[in-house]
Protein backbone atom coordinates (compact mmCIF):
# COMPACT_ATOMS: atom_id res chain seq x y z
CA UNK A 1 101.64 67.86 64.38
CA UNK A 2 101.95 65.16 61.72
CA UNK A 3 99.98 62.82 64.00
CA UNK A 4 96.98 65.15 64.41
CA UNK A 5 93.94 63.65 62.71
CA UNK A 6 96.08 60.70 61.59
CA UNK A 7 98.03 63.15 59.47
CA UNK A 8 94.94 64.12 57.47
CA UNK A 9 93.71 67.21 59.33
CA UNK A 10 95.88 70.30 59.40
CA UNK A 11 94.73 73.60 60.91
CA UNK A 12 93.06 75.00 57.74
CA UNK A 13 91.13 71.75 57.30
CA UNK A 14 90.08 71.77 60.94
CA UNK A 15 88.78 75.31 60.60
CA UNK A 16 86.72 74.30 57.55
CA UNK A 17 85.23 71.31 59.39
CA UNK A 18 84.38 72.97 62.72
CA UNK A 19 81.33 74.96 61.50
CA UNK A 20 79.81 71.72 60.19
CA UNK A 21 80.39 70.06 63.56
CA UNK A 22 78.86 73.02 65.41
CA UNK A 23 75.75 73.01 63.20
CA UNK A 24 75.23 69.30 63.83
CA UNK A 25 75.62 69.79 67.57
CA UNK A 26 73.14 72.69 67.46
CA UNK A 27 70.43 70.41 66.07
CA UNK A 28 70.72 68.29 69.23
CA UNK A 29 71.14 70.97 71.90
CA UNK A 30 69.89 74.33 70.63
CA UNK A 31 66.43 73.35 69.39
CA UNK A 32 63.76 75.05 71.56
CA UNK A 33 62.28 71.87 73.04
CA UNK A 34 65.68 70.38 73.89
CA UNK A 35 66.85 73.65 75.43
CA UNK A 36 63.74 74.08 77.60
CA UNK A 37 63.47 70.47 78.75
CA UNK A 38 67.17 70.01 79.44
CA UNK A 39 68.17 73.55 80.33
CA UNK A 40 65.37 75.04 82.42
CA UNK A 41 66.40 73.33 85.66
CA UNK A 42 70.06 74.34 85.36
CA UNK A 43 69.15 77.91 84.45
CA UNK A 44 66.74 78.17 87.38
CA UNK A 45 69.54 77.09 89.74
CA UNK A 46 71.80 79.81 88.30
CA UNK A 47 69.12 82.49 88.67
CA UNK A 48 68.40 81.36 92.24
CA UNK A 49 72.11 81.62 93.04
CA UNK A 50 72.32 85.17 91.68
CA UNK A 51 69.17 86.18 93.55
CA UNK A 52 70.54 84.69 96.77
CA UNK A 53 73.77 86.67 96.36
CA UNK A 54 71.84 89.91 95.82
CA UNK A 55 69.62 89.35 98.83
CA UNK A 56 72.52 88.30 101.07
CA UNK A 57 74.15 91.71 100.74
CA UNK A 58 70.93 93.52 101.66
CA UNK A 59 69.42 91.31 104.34
CA UNK A 60 71.19 90.26 107.54
CA UNK A 61 70.94 87.53 108.52
CA UNK A 62 70.47 86.27 104.97
CA UNK A 63 68.02 83.51 104.12
CA UNK A 64 69.16 80.73 101.76
CA UNK A 65 67.07 80.34 98.60
CA UNK A 66 66.03 76.79 97.67
CA UNK A 67 67.79 75.79 94.47
CA UNK A 68 70.73 78.16 94.93
CA UNK A 69 74.30 76.87 94.88
CA UNK A 70 76.49 77.45 97.92
CA UNK A 71 75.95 79.51 101.05
CA UNK A 72 74.21 82.86 100.91
CA UNK A 73 77.48 84.77 101.30
CA UNK A 74 79.38 83.05 98.49
CA UNK A 75 81.32 85.51 96.31
CA UNK A 76 82.26 83.02 93.60
CA UNK A 77 80.31 79.99 92.39
CA UNK A 78 81.75 77.64 89.75
CA UNK A 79 79.53 75.08 88.03
CA UNK A 80 81.24 72.29 86.09
CA UNK A 81 79.14 70.99 83.21
CA UNK A 82 79.19 69.97 79.57
CA UNK A 83 79.31 71.67 76.20
CA UNK A 84 75.63 70.78 75.80
CA UNK A 85 74.80 72.80 78.93
CA UNK A 86 76.42 75.89 77.41
CA UNK A 87 74.47 75.38 74.18
CA UNK A 88 71.18 75.03 76.06
CA UNK A 89 71.86 78.24 77.97
CA UNK A 90 72.73 79.88 74.67
CA UNK A 91 69.49 78.71 73.11
CA UNK A 92 67.29 79.72 76.04
CA UNK A 93 68.82 83.20 76.22
CA UNK A 94 69.39 83.61 72.45
CA UNK A 95 73.12 84.06 73.01
CA UNK A 96 75.71 83.70 70.27
CA UNK A 97 79.47 84.07 70.33
CA UNK A 98 82.33 83.94 67.84
CA UNK A 99 85.79 82.94 69.05
CA UNK A 100 88.79 82.25 66.82
CA UNK A 101 86.62 82.53 63.72
CA UNK A 102 84.03 79.90 64.76
CA UNK A 103 80.52 80.80 65.93
CA UNK A 104 78.81 79.00 68.84
CA UNK A 105 81.54 76.42 69.32
CA UNK A 106 82.11 75.11 72.86
CA UNK A 107 85.72 73.89 73.08
CA UNK A 108 87.12 72.29 76.27
CA UNK A 109 87.04 74.55 79.34
CA UNK A 110 84.86 77.18 77.69
CA UNK A 111 82.29 78.82 79.95
CA UNK A 112 79.55 81.41 80.32
CA UNK A 113 80.25 83.88 83.12
CA UNK A 114 77.47 85.58 85.09
CA UNK A 115 78.70 88.64 87.00
CA UNK A 116 76.59 90.42 89.61
CA UNK A 117 77.63 94.01 90.34
CA UNK A 118 76.35 96.39 93.02
CA UNK A 119 76.50 100.17 92.66
CA UNK A 120 78.21 101.56 95.76
CA UNK A 121 75.90 104.60 95.84
CA UNK A 122 72.48 103.37 94.73
CA UNK A 123 73.04 99.80 96.04
CA UNK A 124 71.25 98.57 92.92
CA UNK A 125 72.44 95.39 91.20
CA UNK A 126 73.34 94.93 87.57
CA UNK A 127 74.31 91.77 85.71
CA UNK A 128 76.92 91.13 83.01
CA UNK A 129 77.40 88.01 80.90
CA UNK A 130 80.53 86.87 79.07
CA UNK A 131 81.59 83.86 77.05
CA UNK A 132 85.21 82.80 77.52
CA UNK A 133 87.16 80.14 75.65
CA UNK A 134 90.69 79.26 74.67
CA UNK A 135 91.71 79.60 71.04
CA UNK A 136 92.65 76.50 69.07
CA UNK A 137 96.32 77.37 69.32
CA UNK A 138 96.08 77.89 73.08
CA UNK A 139 94.47 74.48 73.43
CA UNK A 140 96.89 72.71 71.12
CA UNK A 141 99.99 74.16 72.77
CA UNK A 142 98.57 73.80 76.32
CA UNK A 143 99.43 77.45 76.80
CA UNK A 144 99.40 78.66 80.40
CA UNK A 145 96.68 81.28 80.73
CA UNK A 146 97.35 84.50 82.61
CA UNK A 147 96.33 88.15 82.64
CA UNK A 148 98.99 88.71 80.02
CA UNK A 149 97.87 85.72 77.92
CA UNK A 150 94.13 85.40 78.62
CA UNK A 151 91.52 83.28 76.84
CA UNK A 152 89.24 84.96 74.35
CA UNK A 153 86.29 86.84 75.88
CA UNK A 154 83.03 87.85 74.21
CA UNK A 155 80.46 90.10 75.92
CA UNK A 156 76.91 88.75 75.73
CA UNK A 157 73.59 90.59 75.91
CA UNK A 158 71.41 89.05 78.65
CA UNK A 159 67.65 88.65 78.12
CA UNK A 160 65.76 91.80 79.01
CA UNK A 161 68.87 93.92 78.45
CA UNK A 162 70.38 96.14 75.78
CA UNK A 163 73.77 95.58 74.22
CA UNK A 164 76.68 97.50 75.76
CA UNK A 165 74.45 98.98 78.49
CA UNK A 166 74.18 98.31 82.22
CA UNK A 167 71.44 95.77 82.81
CA UNK A 168 69.41 95.90 86.06
CA UNK A 169 69.44 92.47 87.66
CA UNK A 170 65.69 92.63 88.28
CA UNK A 171 65.03 93.13 84.55
CA UNK A 172 67.31 90.25 83.61
CA UNK A 173 65.86 87.93 86.26
CA UNK A 174 62.29 88.64 85.16
CA UNK A 175 63.04 88.17 81.46
CA UNK A 176 65.16 85.05 81.99
CA UNK A 177 62.61 83.25 84.18
CA UNK A 178 59.89 83.91 81.60
CA UNK A 179 61.89 81.80 79.12
CA UNK A 180 61.97 78.70 81.32
CA UNK A 181 59.51 75.81 81.40
CA UNK A 182 58.24 75.30 85.00
CA UNK A 183 57.46 71.64 84.26
CA UNK A 184 61.18 70.90 84.13
CA UNK A 185 62.30 72.92 87.16
CA UNK A 186 62.96 70.83 90.27
CA UNK A 187 64.93 72.69 92.98
CA UNK A 188 65.64 69.46 94.85
CA UNK A 189 67.30 67.83 91.82
CA UNK A 190 70.83 68.42 90.63
CA UNK A 191 71.16 71.16 87.97
CA UNK A 192 71.17 68.93 84.88
CA UNK A 193 68.74 66.35 86.18
CA UNK A 194 65.03 66.17 85.34
CA UNK A 195 62.21 64.06 86.73
CA UNK A 196 62.19 60.42 85.49
CA UNK A 197 58.78 60.67 83.85
CA UNK A 198 59.82 63.81 81.98
CA UNK A 199 63.12 62.21 81.01
CA UNK A 200 61.23 59.43 79.23
CA UNK A 201 59.10 61.96 77.36
CA UNK A 202 62.16 63.80 76.08
CA UNK A 203 63.83 60.71 74.64
């Protein structure tokens, strides 16, 4: 521990510095223009994937949706990205989280979880969002995560939904797509990529 931060940053000092770091990062990733131009394409891919999963369970044979990740019958889709991607999603959807005393931080291996649930009786779909991240002590000690020692989890309120209430997927999908900028959505590009001409404009 004496070598952390060249011996100049102990845990209390780190906790005082992190909010300043997060605020600086927010100015780059959470501003509306940056979030729309850099986050709309990724978010559209995520929404297409959720829509494909919902349709696959209702329509046989299922039809793949352009822009969706994985086959139509996929039960789990994992997208590896960057802390900036999480911040752009947070900005687009007006999501905020506090883990281990720090708000809107995105430590290594943190992620936003989109869960699609189907009611066994009505067959209607609802969506749930969570933010999960390891605490500083879990990261520092390389603690093995398990059901008994899980990462921190924060429920999030999706766009078009109410806090702590079931959210119909159709309501979420409609509200979320209204927040995106169609000029930056390219189903044939990778999730975090944008067209070259638009990339120049955003620099």
